[in-house]
Amino acid sequence: MQLHQFRHSAFCEKVRLILAAKGLPYRTVEVTPGFGQIALFRLSGQRQVPVLEDGATVIADSTAIALHLEAQHPQPALLPADPQQRARVLLLEDWADTTLASGVRLALLQAAAADPLLRTALLPDELPSPLRGLVAALPTAPLLGASEALAQGSRQDLQAALIQLAVLAQSGPYLVGDQLSLADLAVAAQLSLLSFPAHAGEPLAGRGVPGLVDHPELAPLFAWRDRLMAALPLA
């Protein structure tokens, strides 16, 4: 299998977590913004990552990929057999992919606007050095002003939701039921952009969004994420 990805996309991280949880071998193909997305369009009919090639089958969208892998490789199961638990898992996954993802993107945008190192570290490795330097040299004040206006109100909503997630994380090792599920992996993937895990590599590992990564009420949530990822064979 081949996973076409942006390394620091939460949705690509979600697919990598699913593949790791199922113990499936794969290789990554880093998509270069622009030209690389043209090739991706020829392959999949759209320009967004993640895209998974599984033999002759090409699947776009992290949820579609998850359902494909669950059908083709049912063990270990990431969707419960119990209908009520399955519904909870799918609802949590959808919330993580939409509402949580939107709040995370805005929080990360605001942090990157204030931090040139973070800004450049999130860029694809294949981006030419002159362009990386240009992004790093962008004046912080206008970027920060634009991001603050965009994120107004969203940060408080995100923090409140994360605090509730922290309560859930303290109630047991998994968000739904007594085994790892797609809900856990979808949430953990989004958290990877608020507190970068060790496998994010330098210089991102150990960094995070100020005000969230160091928020005392959120410490149990990030600890839960770290325990979950430590149990998976991540590259």
C-alpha atoms as a PDB file:
ATOM      1  CA  MET A   1       0.000   0.000   0.000  1.00  0.00           C
ATOM      2  CA  GLN A   2       1.049   3.568  -0.673  1.00  0.00           C
ATOM      3  CA  LEU A   3      -0.185   6.569   1.307  1.00  0.00           C
ATOM      4  CA  HIS A   4      -0.025   9.875  -0.532  1.00  0.00           C
ATOM      5  CA  GLN A   5       0.226  12.496   2.183  1.00  0.00           C
ATOM      6  CA  PHE A   6       1.332  15.780   3.652  1.00  0.00           C
ATOM      7  CA  ARG A   7       3.411  14.755   6.658  1.00  0.00           C
ATOM      8  CA  HIS A   8       1.875  17.284   9.039  1.00  0.00           C
ATOM      9  CA  SER A   9      -1.754  16.800   8.005  1.00  0.00           C
ATOM     10  CA  ALA A  10      -3.920  15.563  10.866  1.00  0.00           C
ATOM     11  CA  PHE A  11      -5.991  13.521   8.419  1.00  0.00           C
ATOM     12  CA  CYS A  12      -2.872  11.809   7.087  1.00  0.00           C
ATOM     13  CA  GLU A  13      -1.816  11.192  10.686  1.00  0.00           C
ATOM     14  CA  LYS A  14      -5.222   9.584  11.269  1.00  0.00           C
ATOM     15  CA  VAL A  15      -4.651   7.155   8.386  1.00  0.00           C
ATOM     16  CA  ARG A  16      -1.111   6.377   9.590  1.00  0.00           C
ATOM     17  CA  LEU A  17      -2.537   5.587  13.043  1.00  0.00           C
ATOM     18  CA  ILE A  18      -5.155   3.281  11.512  1.00  0.00           C
ATOM     19  CA  LEU A  19      -2.524   1.458   9.449  1.00  0.00           C
ATOM     20  CA  ALA A  20      -0.327   1.112  12.541  1.00  0.00           C
ATOM     21  CA  ALA A  21      -3.226  -0.142  14.672  1.00  0.00           C
ATOM     22  CA  LYS A  22      -3.956  -2.828  12.078  1.00  0.00           C
ATOM     23  CA  GLY A  23      -0.284  -3.687  11.646  1.00  0.00           C
ATOM     24  CA  LEU A  24      -0.378  -3.072   7.893  1.00  0.00           C
ATOM     25  CA  PRO A  25       2.830  -2.339   5.977  1.00  0.00           C
ATOM     26  CA  TYR A  26       2.814   0.679   3.677  1.00  0.00           C
ATOM     27  CA  ARG A  27       5.051   3.375   2.297  1.00  0.00           C
ATOM     28  CA  THR A  28       4.419   7.094   2.204  1.00  0.00           C
ATOM     29  CA  VAL A  29       4.563   9.321  -0.854  1.00  0.00           C
ATOM     30  CA  GLU A  30       4.997  12.957   0.140  1.00  0.00           C
ATOM     31  CA  VAL A  31       2.894  15.180  -2.106  1.00  0.00           C
ATOM     32  CA  THR A  32       4.520  18.438  -3.181  1.00  0.00           C
ATOM     33  CA  PRO A  33       1.951  21.284  -3.092  1.00  0.00           C
ATOM     34  CA  GLY A  34       1.107  22.443  -6.592  1.00  0.00           C
ATOM     35  CA  PHE A  35       2.830  20.150  -9.062  1.00  0.00           C
ATOM     36  CA  GLY A  36       2.458  17.079  -6.871  1.00  0.00           C
ATOM     37  CA  GLN A  37      -1.253  17.720  -6.507  1.00  0.00           C
ATOM     38  CA  ILE A  38      -1.650  17.614 -10.285  1.00  0.00           C
ATOM     39  CA  ALA A  39      -0.234  14.086 -10.256  1.00  0.00           C
ATOM     40  CA  LEU A  40      -2.520  13.253  -7.335  1.00  0.00           C
ATOM     41  CA  PHE A  41      -5.526  14.493  -9.334  1.00  0.00           C
ATOM     42  CA  ARG A  42      -4.583  12.189 -12.202  1.00  0.00           C
ATOM     43  CA  LEU A  43      -4.439   9.300  -9.767  1.00  0.00           C
ATOM     44  CA  SER A  44      -7.516   9.941  -7.642  1.00  0.00           C
ATOM     45  CA  GLY A  45      -9.663  12.581  -9.360  1.00  0.00           C
ATOM     46  CA  GLN A  46      -9.072  15.175  -6.625  1.00  0.00           C
ATOM     47  CA  ARG A  47      -6.176  17.149  -5.156  1.00  0.00           C
ATOM     48  CA  GLN A  48      -6.577  16.576  -1.424  1.00  0.00           C
ATOM     49  CA  VAL A  49      -4.658  14.182   0.794  1.00  0.00           C
ATOM     50  CA  PRO A  50      -4.751  11.560   2.146  1.00  0.00           C
ATOM     51  CA  VAL A  51      -5.069   9.155  -0.769  1.00  0.00           C
ATOM     52  CA  LEU A  52      -4.380   5.449  -0.301  1.00  0.00           C
ATOM     53  CA  GLU A  53      -3.383   3.065  -3.084  1.00  0.00           C
ATOM     54  CA  ASP A  54      -4.261  -0.481  -2.090  1.00  0.00           C
ATOM     55  CA  GLY A  55      -3.302  -2.544  -5.092  1.00  0.00           C
ATOM     56  CA  ALA A  56      -5.475  -1.374  -7.965  1.00  0.00           C
ATOM     57  CA  THR A  57      -7.881   0.394  -5.592  1.00  0.00           C
ATOM     58  CA  VAL A  58      -7.439   4.134  -4.975  1.00  0.00           C
ATOM     59  CA  ILE A  59      -9.270   5.670  -2.021  1.00  0.00           C
ATOM     60  CA  ALA A  60      -9.423   9.350  -1.080  1.00  0.00           C
ATOM     61  CA  ASP A  61     -10.586  10.839   2.258  1.00  0.00           C
ATOM     62  CA  SER A  62      -9.524   9.574   5.671  1.00  0.00           C
ATOM     63  CA  THR A  63     -12.951   8.211   6.623  1.00  0.00           C
ATOM     64  CA  ALA A  64     -13.362   6.375   3.308  1.00  0.00           C
ATOM     65  CA  ILE A  65      -9.872   4.941   3.788  1.00  0.00           C
ATOM     66  CA  ALA A  66     -10.756   3.863   7.344  1.00  0.00           C
ATOM     67  CA  LEU A  67     -13.905   2.070   6.175  1.00  0.00           C
ATOM     68  CA  HIS A  68     -12.021   0.414   3.305  1.00  0.00           C
ATOM     69  CA  LEU A  69      -9.313  -0.871   5.652  1.00  0.00           C
ATOM     70  CA  GLU A  70     -11.908  -2.051   8.163  1.00  0.00           C
ATOM     71  CA  ALA A  71     -13.640  -4.061   5.422  1.00  0.00           C
ATOM     72  CA  GLN A  72     -10.463  -5.490   3.918  1.00  0.00           C
ATOM     73  CA  HIS A  73      -8.569  -6.040   7.177  1.00  0.00           C
ATOM     74  CA  PRO A  74     -11.232  -6.505   9.880  1.00  0.00           C
ATOM     75  CA  GLN A  75      -8.829  -7.499  12.667  1.00  0.00           C
ATOM     76  CA  PRO A  76      -8.212  -5.834  14.963  1.00  0.00           C
ATOM     77  CA  ALA A  77     -11.590  -4.164  14.627  1.00  0.00           C
ATOM     78  CA  LEU A  78     -11.707  -0.378  14.998  1.00  0.00           C
ATOM     79  CA  LEU A  79     -15.500  -0.247  14.740  1.00  0.00           C
ATOM     80  CA  PRO A  80     -17.423  -2.038  17.523  1.00  0.00           C
ATOM     81  CA  ALA A  81     -19.898  -4.764  16.637  1.00  0.00           C
ATOM     82  CA  ASP A  82     -22.414  -3.342  19.115  1.00  0.00           C
ATOM     83  CA  PRO A  83     -24.657  -0.914  17.132  1.00  0.00           C
ATOM     84  CA  GLN A  84     -24.841   1.710  19.892  1.00  0.00           C
ATOM     85  CA  GLN A  85     -21.100   1.758  20.488  1.00  0.00           C
ATOM     86  CA  ARG A  86     -20.476   1.800  16.738  1.00  0.00           C
ATOM     87  CA  ALA A  87     -22.763   4.834  16.435  1.00  0.00           C
ATOM     88  CA  ARG A  88     -20.868   6.622  19.238  1.00  0.00           C
ATOM     89  CA  VAL A  89     -17.535   5.885  17.551  1.00  0.00           C
ATOM     90  CA  LEU A  90     -18.710   7.200  14.173  1.00  0.00           C
ATOM     91  CA  LEU A  91     -20.241  10.317  15.743  1.00  0.00           C
ATOM     92  CA  LEU A  92     -17.021  11.070  17.639  1.00  0.00           C
ATOM     93  CA  GLU A  93     -14.952  10.486  14.512  1.00  0.00           C
ATOM     94  CA  ASP A  94     -17.136  12.869  12.511  1.00  0.00           C
ATOM     95  CA  TRP A  95     -16.914  15.503  15.267  1.00  0.00           C
ATOM     96  CA  ALA A  96     -13.127  15.143  15.376  1.00  0.00           C
ATOM     97  CA  ASP A  97     -12.876  15.488  11.591  1.00  0.00           C
ATOM     98  CA  THR A  98     -15.102  18.565  11.416  1.00  0.00           C
ATOM     99  CA  THR A  99     -15.656  20.685  14.534  1.00  0.00           C
ATOM    100  CA  LEU A 100     -12.459  19.718  16.345  1.00  0.00           C
ATOM    101  CA  ALA A 101     -10.378  19.905  13.162  1.00  0.00           C
ATOM    102  CA  SER A 102     -11.647  23.408  12.419  1.00  0.00           C
ATOM    103  CA  GLY A 103     -10.727  24.672  15.888  1.00  0.00           C
ATOM    104  CA  VAL A 104      -7.333  22.981  15.770  1.00  0.00           C
ATOM    105  CA  ARG A 105      -6.501  24.529  12.379  1.00  0.00           C
ATOM    106  CA  LEU A 106      -7.299  28.021  13.634  1.00  0.00           C
ATOM    107  CA  ALA A 107      -5.295  27.550  16.836  1.00  0.00           C
ATOM    108  CA  LEU A 108      -2.313  26.250  14.869  1.00  0.00           C
ATOM    109  CA  LEU A 109      -2.596  29.106  12.372  1.00  0.00           C
ATOM    110  CA  GLN A 110      -2.475  31.615  15.200  1.00  0.00           C
ATOM    111  CA  ALA A 111       0.538  29.903  16.791  1.00  0.00           C
ATOM    112  CA  ALA A 112       2.369  29.699  13.450  1.00  0.00           C
ATOM    113  CA  ALA A 113       1.692  33.375  12.742  1.00  0.00           C
ATOM    114  CA  ALA A 114       3.537  34.276  15.940  1.00  0.00           C
ATOM    115  CA  ASP A 115       6.387  31.769  15.545  1.00  0.00           C
ATOM    116  CA  PRO A 116       8.532  31.734  12.356  1.00  0.00           C
ATOM    117  CA  LEU A 117      10.194  28.456  13.392  1.00  0.00           C
ATOM    118  CA  LEU A 118       6.851  26.706  13.702  1.00  0.00           C
ATOM    119  CA  ARG A 119       5.706  28.289  10.437  1.00  0.00           C
ATOM    120  CA  THR A 120       8.616  26.874   8.448  1.00  0.00           C
ATOM    121  CA  ALA A 121       8.685  23.508  10.242  1.00  0.00           C
ATOM    122  CA  LEU A 122       5.144  22.827   9.038  1.00  0.00           C
ATOM    123  CA  LEU A 123       6.105  23.357   5.390  1.00  0.00           C
ATOM    124  CA  PRO A 124       6.677  20.306   3.171  1.00  0.00           C
ATOM    125  CA  ASP A 125      10.307  19.170   3.131  1.00  0.00           C
ATOM    126  CA  GLU A 126      10.326  19.303  -0.673  1.00  0.00           C
ATOM    127  CA  LEU A 127       9.603  23.039  -0.738  1.00  0.00           C
ATOM    128  CA  PRO A 128      12.638  24.925  -2.162  1.00  0.00           C
ATOM    129  CA  SER A 129      14.833  26.719   0.373  1.00  0.00           C
ATOM    130  CA  PRO A 130      14.174  30.214  -1.080  1.00  0.00           C
ATOM    131  CA  LEU A 131      10.440  29.754  -0.535  1.00  0.00           C
ATOM    132  CA  ARG A 132      11.016  28.457   2.992  1.00  0.00           C
ATOM    133  CA  GLY A 133      13.130  31.513   3.729  1.00  0.00           C
ATOM    134  CA  LEU A 134      10.430  33.781   2.339  1.00  0.00           C
ATOM    135  CA  VAL A 135       7.804  32.239   4.608  1.00  0.00           C
ATOM    136  CA  ALA A 136      10.104  32.546   7.626  1.00  0.00           C
ATOM    137  CA  ALA A 137      10.774  36.205   6.849  1.00  0.00           C
ATOM    138  CA  LEU A 138       7.119  37.223   6.652  1.00  0.00           C
ATOM    139  CA  PRO A 139       6.394  39.974   9.209  1.00  0.00           C
ATOM    140  CA  THR A 140       4.762  38.539  12.306  1.00  0.00           C
ATOM    141  CA  ALA A 141       2.465  41.438  13.235  1.00  0.00           C
ATOM    142  CA  PRO A 142       0.168  41.408  10.158  1.00  0.00           C
ATOM    143  CA  LEU A 143      -0.037  37.615  10.213  1.00  0.00           C
ATOM    144  CA  LEU A 144      -0.862  37.594  13.897  1.00  0.00           C
ATOM    145  CA  GLY A 145      -3.528  40.266  13.474  1.00  0.00           C
ATOM    146  CA  ALA A 146      -5.206  38.325  10.676  1.00  0.00           C
ATOM    147  CA  SER A 147      -5.096  35.045  12.572  1.00  0.00           C
ATOM    148  CA  GLU A 148      -6.461  36.604  15.766  1.00  0.00           C
ATOM    149  CA  ALA A 149      -9.396  38.070  13.869  1.00  0.00           C
ATOM    150  CA  LEU A 150     -10.052  34.706  12.253  1.00  0.00           C
ATOM    151  CA  ALA A 151      -9.794  32.790  15.509  1.00  0.00           C
ATOM    152  CA  GLN A 152     -11.905  35.139  17.615  1.00  0.00           C
ATOM    153  CA  GLY A 153     -14.296  33.090  19.728  1.00  0.00           C
ATOM    154  CA  SER A 154     -13.055  29.802  18.292  1.00  0.00           C
ATOM    155  CA  ARG A 155     -10.190  29.446  20.785  1.00  0.00           C
ATOM    156  CA  GLN A 156     -12.520  29.494  23.798  1.00  0.00           C
ATOM    157  CA  ASP A 157     -14.827  26.947  22.171  1.00  0.00           C
ATOM    158  CA  LEU A 158     -11.867  24.701  21.362  1.00  0.00           C
ATOM    159  CA  GLN A 159     -10.485  24.914  24.890  1.00  0.00           C
ATOM    160  CA  ALA A 160     -13.875  24.084  26.413  1.00  0.00           C
ATOM    161  CA  ALA A 161     -14.253  21.055  24.139  1.00  0.00           C
ATOM    162  CA  LEU A 162     -10.741  19.843  24.934  1.00  0.00           C
ATOM    163  CA  ILE A 163     -11.393  20.103  28.669  1.00  0.00           C
ATOM    164  CA  GLN A 164     -14.451  17.875  28.230  1.00  0.00           C
ATOM    165  CA  LEU A 165     -12.334  15.437  26.218  1.00  0.00           C
ATOM    166  CA  ALA A 166      -9.800  15.414  29.059  1.00  0.00           C
ATOM    167  CA  VAL A 167     -12.585  14.297  31.417  1.00  0.00           C
ATOM    168  CA  LEU A 168     -13.441  11.436  29.045  1.00  0.00           C
ATOM    169  CA  ALA A 169      -9.788  10.493  28.705  1.00  0.00           C
ATOM    170  CA  GLN A 170      -9.473  10.145  32.475  1.00  0.00           C
ATOM    171  CA  SER A 171     -12.445   7.778  32.668  1.00  0.00           C
ATOM    172  CA  GLY A 172     -10.669   4.953  30.837  1.00  0.00           C
ATOM    173  CA  PRO A 173      -8.052   4.090  28.226  1.00  0.00           C
ATOM    174  CA  TYR A 174     -10.510   4.516  25.337  1.00  0.00           C
ATOM    175  CA  LEU A 175     -13.187   7.046  24.473  1.00  0.00           C
ATOM    176  CA  VAL A 176     -15.812   4.412  23.638  1.00  0.00           C
ATOM    177  CA  GLY A 177     -16.006   0.962  25.172  1.00  0.00           C
ATOM    178  CA  ASP A 178     -13.082  -1.131  26.281  1.00  0.00           C
ATOM    179  CA  GLN A 179     -11.002  -1.338  23.104  1.00  0.00           C
ATOM    180  CA  LEU A 180      -9.211   0.969  20.698  1.00  0.00           C
ATOM    181  CA  SER A 181     -11.534   2.445  18.095  1.00  0.00           C
ATOM    182  CA  LEU A 182     -11.623   4.827  15.164  1.00  0.00           C
ATOM    183  CA  ALA A 183     -12.841   7.537  17.558  1.00  0.00           C
ATOM    184  CA  ASP A 184      -9.611   7.347  19.575  1.00  0.00           C
ATOM    185  CA  LEU A 185      -7.453   7.573  16.454  1.00  0.00           C
ATOM    186  CA  ALA A 186      -9.404  10.450  14.901  1.00  0.00           C
ATOM    187  CA  VAL A 187      -9.179  12.518  18.093  1.00  0.00           C
ATOM    188  CA  ALA A 188      -5.513  11.653  18.684  1.00  0.00           C
ATOM    189  CA  ALA A 189      -4.666  12.706  15.131  1.00  0.00           C
ATOM    190  CA  GLN A 190      -6.132  16.166  15.651  1.00  0.00           C
ATOM    191  CA  LEU A 191      -4.332  16.525  18.994  1.00  0.00           C
ATOM    192  CA  SER A 192      -1.053  15.920  17.152  1.00  0.00           C
ATOM    193  CA  LEU A 193      -1.277  19.475  15.776  1.00  0.00           C
ATOM    194  CA  LEU A 194      -1.747  21.012  19.228  1.00  0.00           C
ATOM    195  CA  SER A 195       1.037  19.056  20.932  1.00  0.00           C
ATOM    196  CA  PHE A 196       3.456  17.526  18.454  1.00  0.00           C
ATOM    197  CA  PRO A 197       4.337  13.903  19.320  1.00  0.00           C
ATOM    198  CA  ALA A 198       7.852  12.502  19.234  1.00  0.00           C
ATOM    199  CA  HIS A 199       7.425  10.998  15.773  1.00  0.00           C
ATOM    200  CA  ALA A 200       6.730  14.465  14.322  1.00  0.00           C
ATOM    201  CA  GLY A 201      10.514  14.830  14.244  1.00  0.00           C
ATOM    202  CA  GLU A 202      12.702  17.855  14.756  1.00  0.00           C
ATOM    203  CA  PRO A 203      12.094  20.700  15.282  1.00  0.00           C
ATOM    204  CA  LEU A 204       8.401  20.029  16.031  1.00  0.00           C
ATOM    205  CA  ALA A 205       8.624  17.181  18.560  1.00  0.00           C
ATOM    206  CA  GLY A 206       7.727  18.439  22.015  1.00  0.00           C
ATOM    207  CA  ARG A 207       6.409  21.770  20.758  1.00  0.00           C
ATOM    208  CA  GLY A 208       2.784  22.813  20.700  1.00  0.00           C
ATOM    209  CA  VAL A 209       0.230  25.584  20.632  1.00  0.00           C
ATOM    210  CA  PRO A 210       0.900  27.919  23.586  1.00  0.00           C
ATOM    211  CA  GLY A 211      -1.990  28.191  26.004  1.00  0.00           C
ATOM    212  CA  LEU A 212      -3.238  24.706  25.118  1.00  0.00           C
ATOM    213  CA  VAL A 213      -0.230  22.396  25.252  1.00  0.00           C
ATOM    214  CA  ASP A 214       0.666  23.865  28.654  1.00  0.00           C
ATOM    215  CA  HIS A 215      -2.901  24.203  30.003  1.00  0.00           C
ATOM    216  CA  PRO A 216      -3.061  22.264  33.318  1.00  0.00           C
ATOM    217  CA  GLU A 217      -6.564  20.923  32.707  1.00  0.00           C
ATOM    218  CA  LEU A 218      -5.466  19.490  29.361  1.00  0.00           C
ATOM    219  CA  ALA A 219      -2.427  17.600  30.659  1.00  0.00           C
ATOM    220  CA  PRO A 220      -4.436  14.360  31.135  1.00  0.00           C
ATOM    221  CA  LEU A 221      -5.682  14.593  27.544  1.00  0.00           C
ATOM    222  CA  PHE A 222      -2.221  14.881  26.007  1.00  0.00           C
ATOM    223  CA  ALA A 223      -0.969  12.138  28.368  1.00  0.00           C
ATOM    224  CA  TRP A 224      -3.808   9.916  27.100  1.00  0.00           C
ATOM    225  CA  ARG A 225      -2.788  10.679  23.503  1.00  0.00           C
ATOM    226  CA  ASP A 226       0.839   9.835  24.273  1.00  0.00           C
ATOM    227  CA  ARG A 227      -0.092   6.503  25.888  1.00  0.00           C
ATOM    228  CA  LEU A 228      -2.273   5.589  22.926  1.00  0.00           C
ATOM    229  CA  MET A 229       0.474   6.387  20.403  1.00  0.00           C
ATOM    230  CA  ALA A 230       3.137   4.625  22.459  1.00  0.00           C
ATOM    231  CA  ALA A 231       1.165   1.400  22.071  1.00  0.00           C
ATOM    232  CA  LEU A 232       1.236   1.638  18.254  1.00  0.00           C
ATOM    233  CA  PRO A 233       4.175   0.730  15.985  1.00  0.00           C
ATOM    234  CA  LEU A 234       4.601   4.207  14.524  1.00  0.00           C
ATOM    235  CA  ALA A 235       7.427   5.069  12.139  1.00  0.00           C
END
